[in-house]
mmCIF file of all heavy atoms, coordinates in Angstrom:
data_MODEL
# 
_entry.id   MODEL 
# 
loop_
_atom_site.group_PDB 
_atom_site.id 
_atom_site.type_symbol 
_atom_site.label_atom_id 
_atom_site.label_alt_id 
_atom_site.label_comp_id 
_atom_site.label_asym_id 
_atom_site.label_entity_id 
_atom_site.label_seq_id 
_atom_site.pdbx_PDB_ins_code 
_atom_site.Cartn_x 
_atom_site.Cartn_y 
_atom_site.Cartn_z 
_atom_site.occupancy 
_atom_site.B_iso_or_equiv 
_atom_site.pdbx_formal_charge 
_atom_site.auth_seq_id 
_atom_site.auth_comp_id 
_atom_site.auth_asym_id 
_atom_site.auth_atom_id 
_atom_site.pdbx_PDB_model_num 
ATOM 1   N N   . ILE A 1 1  ? -12.253 -16.504 17.863  1.00 0.00 ? 1  ILE A N   1 
ATOM 2   C CA  . ILE A 1 1  ? -12.156 -15.290 17.037  1.00 0.00 ? 1  ILE A CA  1 
ATOM 3   C C   . ILE A 1 1  ? -11.606 -15.566 15.634  1.00 0.00 ? 1  ILE A C   1 
ATOM 4   O O   . ILE A 1 1  ? -12.134 -15.021 14.659  1.00 0.00 ? 1  ILE A O   1 
ATOM 5   C CB  . ILE A 1 1  ? -11.332 -14.197 17.762  1.00 0.00 ? 1  ILE A CB  1 
ATOM 6   C CG1 . ILE A 1 1  ? -12.150 -13.617 18.925  1.00 0.00 ? 1  ILE A CG1 1 
ATOM 7   C CG2 . ILE A 1 1  ? -10.925 -13.072 16.809  1.00 0.00 ? 1  ILE A CG2 1 
ATOM 8   C CD1 . ILE A 1 1  ? -11.441 -12.548 19.726  1.00 0.00 ? 1  ILE A CD1 1 
ATOM 9   N N   . PRO A 1 2  ? -10.564 -16.416 15.475  1.00 0.00 ? 2  PRO A N   1 
ATOM 10  C CA  . PRO A 1 2  ? -10.117 -16.733 14.112  1.00 0.00 ? 2  PRO A CA  1 
ATOM 11  C C   . PRO A 1 2  ? -11.198 -17.391 13.250  1.00 0.00 ? 2  PRO A C   1 
ATOM 12  O O   . PRO A 1 2  ? -11.149 -17.293 12.026  1.00 0.00 ? 2  PRO A O   1 
ATOM 13  C CB  . PRO A 1 2  ? -8.956  -17.703 14.345  1.00 0.00 ? 2  PRO A CB  1 
ATOM 14  C CG  . PRO A 1 2  ? -8.413  -17.313 15.675  1.00 0.00 ? 2  PRO A CG  1 
ATOM 15  C CD  . PRO A 1 2  ? -9.623  -16.941 16.481  1.00 0.00 ? 2  PRO A CD  1 
ATOM 16  N N   . MET A 1 3  ? -12.180 -18.039 13.879  1.00 0.00 ? 3  MET A N   1 
ATOM 17  C CA  . MET A 1 3  ? -13.312 -18.597 13.132  1.00 0.00 ? 3  MET A CA  1 
ATOM 18  C C   . MET A 1 3  ? -14.313 -17.489 12.775  1.00 0.00 ? 3  MET A C   1 
ATOM 19  O O   . MET A 1 3  ? -14.889 -17.483 11.672  1.00 0.00 ? 3  MET A O   1 
ATOM 20  C CB  . MET A 1 3  ? -14.013 -19.669 13.959  1.00 0.00 ? 3  MET A CB  1 
ATOM 21  C CG  . MET A 1 3  ? -15.288 -20.208 13.325  1.00 0.00 ? 3  MET A CG  1 
ATOM 22  S SD  . MET A 1 3  ? -16.456 -20.949 14.481  1.00 0.00 ? 3  MET A SD  1 
ATOM 23  C CE  . MET A 1 3  ? -17.044 -19.521 15.398  1.00 0.00 ? 3  MET A CE  1 
ATOM 24  N N   . LEU A 1 4  ? -14.517 -16.539 13.699  1.00 0.00 ? 4  LEU A N   1 
ATOM 25  C CA  . LEU A 1 4  ? -15.527 -15.508 13.506  1.00 0.00 ? 4  LEU A CA  1 
ATOM 26  C C   . LEU A 1 4  ? -15.131 -14.475 12.460  1.00 0.00 ? 4  LEU A C   1 
ATOM 27  O O   . LEU A 1 4  ? -16.003 -13.965 11.734  1.00 0.00 ? 4  LEU A O   1 
ATOM 28  C CB  . LEU A 1 4  ? -15.814 -14.800 14.836  1.00 0.00 ? 4  LEU A CB  1 
ATOM 29  C CG  . LEU A 1 4  ? -16.515 -15.617 15.923  1.00 0.00 ? 4  LEU A CG  1 
ATOM 30  C CD1 . LEU A 1 4  ? -16.645 -14.781 17.189  1.00 0.00 ? 4  LEU A CD1 1 
ATOM 31  C CD2 . LEU A 1 4  ? -17.873 -16.100 15.454  1.00 0.00 ? 4  LEU A CD2 1 
ATOM 32  N N   . ASN A 1 5  ? -13.833 -14.151 12.363  1.00 0.00 ? 5  ASN A N   1 
ATOM 33  C CA  . ASN A 1 5  ? -13.412 -13.079 11.459  1.00 0.00 ? 5  ASN A CA  1 
ATOM 34  C C   . ASN A 1 5  ? -13.856 -13.265 10.009  1.00 0.00 ? 5  ASN A C   1 
ATOM 35  O O   . ASN A 1 5  ? -14.422 -12.338 9.420   1.00 0.00 ? 5  ASN A O   1 
ATOM 36  C CB  . ASN A 1 5  ? -11.893 -12.876 11.544  1.00 0.00 ? 5  ASN A CB  1 
ATOM 37  C CG  . ASN A 1 5  ? -11.499 -12.053 12.764  1.00 0.00 ? 5  ASN A CG  1 
ATOM 38  O OD1 . ASN A 1 5  ? -12.335 -11.380 13.376  1.00 0.00 ? 5  ASN A OD1 1 
ATOM 39  N ND2 . ASN A 1 5  ? -10.229 -12.092 13.126  1.00 0.00 ? 5  ASN A ND2 1 
ATOM 40  N N   . PRO A 1 6  ? -13.616 -14.439 9.373   1.00 0.00 ? 6  PRO A N   1 
ATOM 41  C CA  . PRO A 1 6  ? -14.089 -14.587 7.987   1.00 0.00 ? 6  PRO A CA  1 
ATOM 42  C C   . PRO A 1 6  ? -15.608 -14.502 7.877   1.00 0.00 ? 6  PRO A C   1 
ATOM 43  O O   . PRO A 1 6  ? -16.125 -14.011 6.864   1.00 0.00 ? 6  PRO A O   1 
ATOM 44  C CB  . PRO A 1 6  ? -13.577 -15.976 7.579   1.00 0.00 ? 6  PRO A CB  1 
ATOM 45  C CG  . PRO A 1 6  ? -13.222 -16.676 8.826   1.00 0.00 ? 6  PRO A CG  1 
ATOM 46  C CD  . PRO A 1 6  ? -12.837 -15.619 9.797   1.00 0.00 ? 6  PRO A CD  1 
ATOM 47  N N   . MET A 1 7  ? -16.347 -14.944 8.900   1.00 0.00 ? 7  MET A N   1 
ATOM 48  C CA  . MET A 1 7  ? -17.806 -14.827 8.893   1.00 0.00 ? 7  MET A CA  1 
ATOM 49  C C   . MET A 1 7  ? -18.215 -13.364 8.956   1.00 0.00 ? 7  MET A C   1 
ATOM 50  O O   . MET A 1 7  ? -19.124 -12.922 8.230   1.00 0.00 ? 7  MET A O   1 
ATOM 51  C CB  . MET A 1 7  ? -18.402 -15.596 10.079  1.00 0.00 ? 7  MET A CB  1 
ATOM 52  C CG  . MET A 1 7  ? -18.233 -17.088 10.008  1.00 0.00 ? 7  MET A CG  1 
ATOM 53  S SD  . MET A 1 7  ? -19.062 -17.907 11.396  1.00 0.00 ? 7  MET A SD  1 
ATOM 54  C CE  . MET A 1 7  ? -18.662 -19.626 11.033  1.00 0.00 ? 7  MET A CE  1 
ATOM 55  N N   . ILE A 1 8  ? -17.566 -12.606 9.836   1.00 0.00 ? 8  ILE A N   1 
ATOM 56  C CA  . ILE A 1 8  ? -17.886 -11.186 9.981   1.00 0.00 ? 8  ILE A CA  1 
ATOM 57  C C   . ILE A 1 8  ? -17.666 -10.443 8.665   1.00 0.00 ? 8  ILE A C   1 
ATOM 58  O O   . ILE A 1 8  ? -18.510 -9.658  8.219   1.00 0.00 ? 8  ILE A O   1 
ATOM 59  C CB  . ILE A 1 8  ? -17.019 -10.547 11.091  1.00 0.00 ? 8  ILE A CB  1 
ATOM 60  C CG1 . ILE A 1 8  ? -17.439 -11.096 12.467  1.00 0.00 ? 8  ILE A CG1 1 
ATOM 61  C CG2 . ILE A 1 8  ? -17.138 -9.025  11.069  1.00 0.00 ? 8  ILE A CG2 1 
ATOM 62  C CD1 . ILE A 1 8  ? -16.445 -10.764 13.568  1.00 0.00 ? 8  ILE A CD1 1 
ATOM 63  N N   . TYR A 1 9  ? -16.526 -10.726 8.022   1.00 0.00 ? 9  TYR A N   1 
ATOM 64  C CA  . TYR A 1 9  ? -16.190 -10.007 6.789   1.00 0.00 ? 9  TYR A CA  1 
ATOM 65  C C   . TYR A 1 9  ? -16.984 -10.487 5.586   1.00 0.00 ? 9  TYR A C   1 
ATOM 66  O O   . TYR A 1 9  ? -17.088 -9.767  4.591   1.00 0.00 ? 9  TYR A O   1 
ATOM 67  C CB  . TYR A 1 9  ? -14.696 -10.122 6.506   1.00 0.00 ? 9  TYR A CB  1 
ATOM 68  C CG  . TYR A 1 9  ? -13.867 -9.159  7.316   1.00 0.00 ? 9  TYR A CG  1 
ATOM 69  C CD1 . TYR A 1 9  ? -13.232 -9.568  8.485   1.00 0.00 ? 9  TYR A CD1 1 
ATOM 70  C CD2 . TYR A 1 9  ? -13.736 -7.828  6.931   1.00 0.00 ? 9  TYR A CD2 1 
ATOM 71  C CE1 . TYR A 1 9  ? -12.478 -8.676  9.247   1.00 0.00 ? 9  TYR A CE1 1 
ATOM 72  C CE2 . TYR A 1 9  ? -12.990 -6.931  7.684   1.00 0.00 ? 9  TYR A CE2 1 
ATOM 73  C CZ  . TYR A 1 9  ? -12.364 -7.365  8.836   1.00 0.00 ? 9  TYR A CZ  1 
ATOM 74  O OH  . TYR A 1 9  ? -11.634 -6.486  9.582   1.00 0.00 ? 9  TYR A OH  1 
ATOM 75  N N   . SER A 1 10 ? -17.536 -11.691 5.636   1.00 0.00 ? 10 SER A N   1 
ATOM 76  C CA  . SER A 1 10 ? -18.321 -12.175 4.500   1.00 0.00 ? 10 SER A CA  1 
ATOM 77  C C   . SER A 1 10 ? -19.796 -11.852 4.650   1.00 0.00 ? 10 SER A C   1 
ATOM 78  O O   . SER A 1 10 ? -20.455 -11.399 3.709   1.00 0.00 ? 10 SER A O   1 
ATOM 79  C CB  . SER A 1 10 ? -18.141 -13.690 4.326   1.00 0.00 ? 10 SER A CB  1 
ATOM 80  O OG  . SER A 1 10 ? -18.505 -14.378 5.501   1.00 0.00 ? 10 SER A OG  1 
ATOM 81  N N   . LEU A 1 11 ? -20.343 -12.019 5.860   1.00 0.00 ? 11 LEU A N   1 
ATOM 82  C CA  . LEU A 1 11 ? -21.775 -11.791 6.069   1.00 0.00 ? 11 LEU A CA  1 
ATOM 83  C C   . LEU A 1 11 ? -22.134 -10.315 5.985   1.00 0.00 ? 11 LEU A C   1 
ATOM 84  O O   . LEU A 1 11 ? -23.252 -9.966  5.619   1.00 0.00 ? 11 LEU A O   1 
ATOM 85  C CB  . LEU A 1 11 ? -22.199 -12.354 7.437   1.00 0.00 ? 11 LEU A CB  1 
ATOM 86  C CG  . LEU A 1 11 ? -22.134 -13.879 7.585   1.00 0.00 ? 11 LEU A CG  1 
ATOM 87  C CD1 . LEU A 1 11 ? -22.487 -14.286 9.003   1.00 0.00 ? 11 LEU A CD1 1 
ATOM 88  C CD2 . LEU A 1 11 ? -23.062 -14.570 6.588   1.00 0.00 ? 11 LEU A CD2 1 
ATOM 89  N N   . ARG A 1 12 ? -21.194 -9.440  6.333   1.00 0.00 ? 12 ARG A N   1 
ATOM 90  C CA  . ARG A 1 12 ? -21.478 -8.006  6.348   1.00 0.00 ? 12 ARG A CA  1 
ATOM 91  C C   . ARG A 1 12 ? -20.905 -7.277  5.131   1.00 0.00 ? 12 ARG A C   1 
ATOM 92  O O   . ARG A 1 12 ? -20.919 -6.055  5.081   1.00 0.00 ? 12 ARG A O   1 
ATOM 93  C CB  . ARG A 1 12 ? -20.909 -7.369  7.629   1.00 0.00 ? 12 ARG A CB  1 
ATOM 94  C CG  . ARG A 1 12 ? -21.486 -7.934  8.912   1.00 0.00 ? 12 ARG A CG  1 
ATOM 95  C CD  . ARG A 1 12 ? -20.886 -7.229  10.115  1.00 0.00 ? 12 ARG A CD  1 
ATOM 96  N NE  . ARG A 1 12 ? -21.291 -5.821  10.138  1.00 0.00 ? 12 ARG A NE  1 
ATOM 97  C CZ  . ARG A 1 12 ? -22.334 -5.345  10.785  1.00 0.00 ? 12 ARG A CZ  1 
ATOM 98  N NH1 . ARG A 1 12 ? -23.104 -6.160  11.464  1.00 0.00 ? 12 ARG A NH1 1 
ATOM 99  N NH2 . ARG A 1 12 ? -22.637 -4.072  10.767  1.00 0.00 ? 12 ARG A NH2 1 
ATOM 100 N N   . ASN A 1 13 ? -20.432 -8.036  4.163   1.00 0.00 ? 13 ASN A N   1 
ATOM 101 C CA  . ASN A 1 13 ? -19.739 -7.415  3.025   1.00 0.00 ? 13 ASN A CA  1 
ATOM 102 C C   . ASN A 1 13 ? -20.355 -7.917  1.716   1.00 0.00 ? 13 ASN A C   1 
ATOM 103 O O   . ASN A 1 13 ? -20.226 -9.083  1.368   1.00 0.00 ? 13 ASN A O   1 
ATOM 104 C CB  . ASN A 1 13 ? -18.250 -7.756  3.086   1.00 0.00 ? 13 ASN A CB  1 
ATOM 105 C CG  . ASN A 1 13 ? -17.438 -6.941  2.103   1.00 0.00 ? 13 ASN A CG  1 
ATOM 106 O OD1 . ASN A 1 13 ? -17.742 -6.913  0.917   1.00 0.00 ? 13 ASN A OD1 1 
ATOM 107 N ND2 . ASN A 1 13 ? -16.392 -6.295  2.593   1.00 0.00 ? 13 ASN A ND2 1 
ATOM 108 N N   . GLN A 1 14 ? -21.011 -7.007  0.978   1.00 0.00 ? 14 GLN A N   1 
ATOM 109 C CA  . GLN A 1 14 ? -21.695 -7.389  -0.249  1.00 0.00 ? 14 GLN A CA  1 
ATOM 110 C C   . GLN A 1 14 ? -20.710 -7.829  -1.335  1.00 0.00 ? 14 GLN A C   1 
ATOM 111 O O   . GLN A 1 14 ? -21.014 -8.743  -2.119  1.00 0.00 ? 14 GLN A O   1 
ATOM 112 C CB  . GLN A 1 14 ? -22.551 -6.224  -0.754  1.00 0.00 ? 14 GLN A CB  1 
ATOM 113 C CG  . GLN A 1 14 ? -23.538 -6.608  -1.854  1.00 0.00 ? 14 GLN A CG  1 
ATOM 114 C CD  . GLN A 1 14 ? -24.519 -7.682  -1.403  1.00 0.00 ? 14 GLN A CD  1 
ATOM 115 O OE1 . GLN A 1 14 ? -25.077 -7.603  -0.314  1.00 0.00 ? 14 GLN A OE1 1 
ATOM 116 N NE2 . GLN A 1 14 ? -24.723 -8.682  -2.245  1.00 0.00 ? 14 GLN A NE2 1 
ATOM 117 N N   . GLU A 1 15 ? -19.546 -7.187  -1.392  1.00 0.00 ? 15 GLU A N   1 
ATOM 118 C CA  . GLU A 1 15 ? -18.561 -7.558  -2.414  1.00 0.00 ? 15 GLU A CA  1 
ATOM 119 C C   . GLU A 1 15 ? -18.061 -8.978  -2.221  1.00 0.00 ? 15 GLU A C   1 
ATOM 120 O O   . GLU A 1 15 ? -17.900 -9.738  -3.187  1.00 0.00 ? 15 GLU A O   1 
ATOM 121 C CB  . GLU A 1 15 ? -17.373 -6.579  -2.372  1.00 0.00 ? 15 GLU A CB  1 
ATOM 122 C CG  . GLU A 1 15 ? -17.695 -5.191  -2.887  1.00 0.00 ? 15 GLU A CG  1 
ATOM 123 C CD  . GLU A 1 15 ? -16.494 -4.259  -2.784  1.00 0.00 ? 15 GLU A CD  1 
ATOM 124 O OE1 . GLU A 1 15 ? -15.738 -4.381  -1.800  1.00 0.00 ? 15 GLU A OE1 1 
ATOM 125 O OE2 . GLU A 1 15 ? -16.321 -3.433  -3.681  1.00 0.00 ? 15 GLU A OE2 1 
ATOM 126 N N   . VAL A 1 16 ? -17.820 -9.365  -0.966  1.00 0.00 ? 16 VAL A N   1 
ATOM 127 C CA  . VAL A 1 16 ? -17.382 -10.733 -0.680  1.00 0.00 ? 16 VAL A CA  1 
ATOM 128 C C   . VAL A 1 16 ? -18.486 -11.719 -1.002  1.00 0.00 ? 16 VAL A C   1 
ATOM 129 O O   . VAL A 1 16 ? -18.233 -12.793 -1.582  1.00 0.00 ? 16 VAL A O   1 
ATOM 130 C CB  . VAL A 1 16 ? -16.937 -10.864 0.799   1.00 0.00 ? 16 VAL A CB  1 
ATOM 131 C CG1 . VAL A 1 16 ? -16.654 -12.324 1.149   1.00 0.00 ? 16 VAL A CG1 1 
ATOM 132 C CG2 . VAL A 1 16 ? -15.694 -10.020 1.067   1.00 0.00 ? 16 VAL A CG2 1 
ATOM 133 N N   . LYS A 1 17 ? -19.740 -11.388 -0.649  1.00 0.00 ? 17 LYS A N   1 
ATOM 134 C CA  . LYS A 1 17 ? -20.869 -12.275 -0.950  1.00 0.00 ? 17 LYS A CA  1 
ATOM 135 C C   . LYS A 1 17 ? -21.049 -12.446 -2.448  1.00 0.00 ? 17 LYS A C   1 
ATOM 136 O O   . LYS A 1 17 ? -21.329 -13.548 -2.926  1.00 0.00 ? 17 LYS A O   1 
ATOM 137 C CB  . LYS A 1 17 ? -22.143 -11.732 -0.305  1.00 0.00 ? 17 LYS A CB  1 
ATOM 138 C CG  . LYS A 1 17 ? -22.185 -11.912 1.203   1.00 0.00 ? 17 LYS A CG  1 
ATOM 139 C CD  . LYS A 1 17 ? -23.551 -11.648 1.785   1.00 0.00 ? 17 LYS A CD  1 
ATOM 140 C CE  . LYS A 1 17 ? -23.810 -10.181 1.935   1.00 0.00 ? 17 LYS A CE  1 
ATOM 141 N NZ  . LYS A 1 17 ? -25.064 -9.906  2.701   1.00 0.00 ? 17 LYS A NZ  1 
ATOM 142 N N   . ASN A 1 18 ? -20.876 -11.361 -3.213  1.00 0.00 ? 18 ASN A N   1 
ATOM 143 C CA  . ASN A 1 18 ? -20.981 -11.448 -4.670  1.00 0.00 ? 18 ASN A CA  1 
ATOM 144 C C   . ASN A 1 18 ? -19.873 -12.323 -5.256  1.00 0.00 ? 18 ASN A C   1 
ATOM 145 O O   . ASN A 1 18 ? -20.101 -13.125 -6.160  1.00 0.00 ? 18 ASN A O   1 
ATOM 146 C CB  . ASN A 1 18 ? -20.937 -10.053 -5.295  1.00 0.00 ? 18 ASN A CB  1 
ATOM 147 C CG  . ASN A 1 18 ? -22.174 -9.238  -4.994  1.00 0.00 ? 18 ASN A CG  1 
ATOM 148 O OD1 . ASN A 1 18 ? -23.225 -9.787  -4.660  1.00 0.00 ? 18 ASN A OD1 1 
ATOM 149 N ND2 . ASN A 1 18 ? -22.066 -7.929  -5.091  1.00 0.00 ? 18 ASN A ND2 1 
ATOM 150 N N   . ALA A 1 19 ? -18.656 -12.147 -4.739  1.00 0.00 ? 19 ALA A N   1 
ATOM 151 C CA  . ALA A 1 19 ? -17.522 -12.953 -5.203  1.00 0.00 ? 19 ALA A CA  1 
ATOM 152 C C   . ALA A 1 19 ? -17.731 -14.426 -4.872  1.00 0.00 ? 19 ALA A C   1 
ATOM 153 O O   . ALA A 1 19 ? -17.415 -15.310 -5.687  1.00 0.00 ? 19 ALA A O   1 
ATOM 154 C CB  . ALA A 1 19 ? -16.223 -12.444 -4.575  1.00 0.00 ? 19 ALA A CB  1 
ATOM 155 N N   . LEU A 1 20 ? -18.286 -14.693 -3.686  1.00 0.00 ? 20 LEU A N   1 
ATOM 156 C CA  . LEU A 1 20 ? -18.554 -16.076 -3.279  1.00 0.00 ? 20 LEU A CA  1 
ATOM 157 C C   . LEU A 1 20 ? -19.622 -16.691 -4.179  1.00 0.00 ? 20 LEU A C   1 
ATOM 158 O O   . LEU A 1 20 ? -19.494 -17.849 -4.604  1.00 0.00 ? 20 LEU A O   1 
ATOM 159 C CB  . LEU A 1 20 ? -19.007 -16.106 -1.822  1.00 0.00 ? 20 LEU A CB  1 
ATOM 160 C CG  . LEU A 1 20 ? -19.312 -17.482 -1.228  1.00 0.00 ? 20 LEU A CG  1 
ATOM 161 C CD1 . LEU A 1 20 ? -18.082 -18.383 -1.294  1.00 0.00 ? 20 LEU A CD1 1 
ATOM 162 C CD2 . LEU A 1 20 ? -19.791 -17.351 0.219   1.00 0.00 ? 20 LEU A CD2 1 
ATOM 163 N N   . ARG A 1 21 ? -20.671 -15.918 -4.478  1.00 0.00 ? 21 ARG A N   1 
ATOM 164 C CA  . ARG A 1 21 ? -21.737 -16.411 -5.358  1.00 0.00 ? 21 ARG A CA  1 
ATOM 165 C C   . ARG A 1 21 ? -21.187 -16.723 -6.753  1.00 0.00 ? 21 ARG A C   1 
ATOM 166 O O   . ARG A 1 21 ? -21.520 -17.762 -7.341  1.00 0.00 ? 21 ARG A O   1 
ATOM 167 C CB  . ARG A 1 21 ? -22.838 -15.353 -5.447  1.00 0.00 ? 21 ARG A CB  1 
ATOM 168 C CG  . ARG A 1 21 ? -24.147 -15.870 -6.061  1.00 0.00 ? 21 ARG A CG  1 
ATOM 169 C CD  . ARG A 1 21 ? -25.214 -14.790 -6.058  1.00 0.00 ? 21 ARG A CD  1 
ATOM 170 N NE  . ARG A 1 21 ? -25.532 -14.344 -4.715  1.00 0.00 ? 21 ARG A NE  1 
ATOM 171 C CZ  . ARG A 1 21 ? -25.298 -13.132 -4.247  1.00 0.00 ? 21 ARG A CZ  1 
ATOM 172 N NH1 . ARG A 1 21 ? -24.700 -12.223 -5.014  1.00 0.00 ? 21 ARG A NH1 1 
ATOM 173 N NH2 . ARG A 1 21 ? -25.617 -12.795 -3.020  1.00 0.00 ? 21 ARG A NH2 1 
ATOM 174 N N   . LYS A 1 22 ? -20.326 -15.859 -7.245  1.00 0.00 ? 22 LYS A N   1 
ATOM 175 C CA  . LYS A 1 22 ? -19.726 -16.066 -8.557  1.00 0.00 ? 22 LYS A CA  1 
ATOM 176 C C   . LYS A 1 22 ? -18.836 -17.307 -8.564  1.00 0.00 ? 22 LYS A C   1 
ATOM 177 O O   . LYS A 1 22 ? -18.842 -18.094 -9.518  1.00 0.00 ? 22 LYS A O   1 
ATOM 178 C CB  . LYS A 1 22 ? -18.893 -14.827 -8.937  1.00 0.00 ? 22 LYS A CB  1 
ATOM 179 C CG  . LYS A 1 22 ? -18.271 -14.895 -10.318 1.00 0.00 ? 22 LYS A CG  1 
ATOM 180 C CD  . LYS A 1 22 ? -17.471 -13.621 -10.598 1.00 0.00 ? 22 LYS A CD  1 
ATOM 181 C CE  . LYS A 1 22 ? -16.748 -13.724 -11.942 1.00 0.00 ? 22 LYS A CE  1 
ATOM 182 N NZ  . LYS A 1 22 ? -15.916 -12.521 -12.201 1.00 0.00 ? 22 LYS A NZ  1 
ATOM 183 N N   . ALA A 1 23 ? -18.078 -17.506 -7.474  1.00 0.00 ? 23 ALA A N   1 
ATOM 184 C CA  . ALA A 1 23 ? -17.190 -18.680 -7.385  1.00 0.00 ? 23 ALA A CA  1 
ATOM 185 C C   . ALA A 1 23 ? -18.001 -19.970 -7.328  1.00 0.00 ? 23 ALA A C   1 
ATOM 186 O O   . ALA A 1 23 ? -17.626 -20.976 -7.953  1.00 0.00 ? 23 ALA A O   1 
ATOM 187 C CB  . ALA A 1 23 ? -16.304 -18.566 -6.144  1.00 0.00 ? 23 ALA A CB  1 
ATOM 188 N N   . ILE A 1 24 ? -19.126 -19.953 -6.594  1.00 0.00 ? 24 ILE A N   1 
ATOM 189 C CA  . ILE A 1 24 ? -19.982 -21.135 -6.511  1.00 0.00 ? 24 ILE A CA  1 
ATOM 190 C C   . ILE A 1 24 ? -20.588 -21.460 -7.872  1.00 0.00 ? 24 ILE A C   1 
ATOM 191 O O   . ILE A 1 24 ? -20.664 -22.627 -8.279  1.00 0.00 ? 24 ILE A O   1 
ATOM 192 C CB  . ILE A 1 24 ? -21.101 -20.917 -5.456  1.00 0.00 ? 24 ILE A CB  1 
ATOM 193 C CG1 . ILE A 1 24 ? -20.480 -20.869 -4.058  1.00 0.00 ? 24 ILE A CG1 1 
ATOM 194 C CG2 . ILE A 1 24 ? -22.148 -22.026 -5.524  1.00 0.00 ? 24 ILE A CG2 1 
ATOM 195 C CD1 . ILE A 1 24 ? -21.448 -20.458 -2.971  1.00 0.00 ? 24 ILE A CD1 1 
ATOM 196 N N   . GLU A 1 25 ? -21.002 -20.417 -8.596  1.00 0.00 ? 25 GLU A N   1 
ATOM 197 C CA  . GLU A 1 25 ? -21.560 -20.626 -9.932  1.00 0.00 ? 25 GLU A CA  1 
ATOM 198 C C   . GLU A 1 25 ? -20.533 -21.248 -10.868 1.00 0.00 ? 25 GLU A C   1 
ATOM 199 O O   . GLU A 1 25 ? -20.843 -22.147 -11.649 1.00 0.00 ? 25 GLU A O   1 
ATOM 200 C CB  . GLU A 1 25 ? -22.052 -19.306 -10.512 1.00 0.00 ? 25 GLU A CB  1 
ATOM 201 C CG  . GLU A 1 25 ? -23.340 -18.796 -9.868  1.00 0.00 ? 25 GLU A CG  1 
ATOM 202 C CD  . GLU A 1 25 ? -23.741 -17.437 -10.394 1.00 0.00 ? 25 GLU A CD  1 
ATOM 203 O OE1 . GLU A 1 25 ? -22.996 -16.867 -11.233 1.00 0.00 ? 25 GLU A OE1 1 
ATOM 204 O OE2 . GLU A 1 25 ? -24.805 -16.933 -9.965  1.00 0.00 ? 25 GLU A OE2 1 
ATOM 205 N N   . LYS A 1 26 ? -19.292 -20.782 -10.779 1.00 0.00 ? 26 LYS A N   1 
ATOM 206 C CA  . LYS A 1 26 ? -18.231 -21.331 -11.628 1.00 0.00 ? 26 LYS A CA  1 
ATOM 207 C C   . LYS A 1 26 ? -17.959 -22.789 -11.304 1.00 0.00 ? 26 LYS A C   1 
ATOM 208 O O   . LYS A 1 26 ? -17.711 -23.611 -12.186 1.00 0.00 ? 26 LYS A O   1 
ATOM 209 C CB  . LYS A 1 26 ? -16.943 -20.522 -11.448 1.00 0.00 ? 26 LYS A CB  1 
ATOM 210 C CG  . LYS A 1 26 ? -16.914 -19.225 -12.235 1.00 0.00 ? 26 LYS A CG  1 
ATOM 211 C CD  . LYS A 1 26 ? -15.533 -18.574 -12.099 1.00 0.00 ? 26 LYS A CD  1 
ATOM 212 C CE  . LYS A 1 26 ? -15.440 -17.313 -12.932 1.00 0.00 ? 26 LYS A CE  1 
ATOM 213 N NZ  . LYS A 1 26 ? -14.103 -16.668 -12.814 1.00 0.00 ? 26 LYS A NZ  1 
ATOM 214 N N   . CYS A 1 27 ? -17.989 -23.109 -10.013 1.00 0.00 ? 27 CYS A N   1 
ATOM 215 C CA  . CYS A 1 27 ? -17.630 -24.460 -9.573  1.00 0.00 ? 27 CYS A CA  1 
ATOM 216 C C   . CYS A 1 27 ? -18.736 -25.479 -9.811  1.00 0.00 ? 27 CYS A C   1 
ATOM 217 O O   . CYS A 1 27 ? -18.458 -26.644 -10.111 1.00 0.00 ? 27 CYS A O   1 
ATOM 218 C CB  . CYS A 1 27 ? -17.256 -24.462 -8.090  1.00 0.00 ? 27 CYS A CB  1 
ATOM 219 S SG  . CYS A 1 27 ? -15.718 -23.598 -7.732  1.00 0.00 ? 27 CYS A SG  1 
# 
């Protein structure tokens, strides 16, 4: 479950996905 929680909140959350995309672009 501690592994699944960040996946659940990232895969089902557009704001998190957008933030992740922005972070990848910066890096």
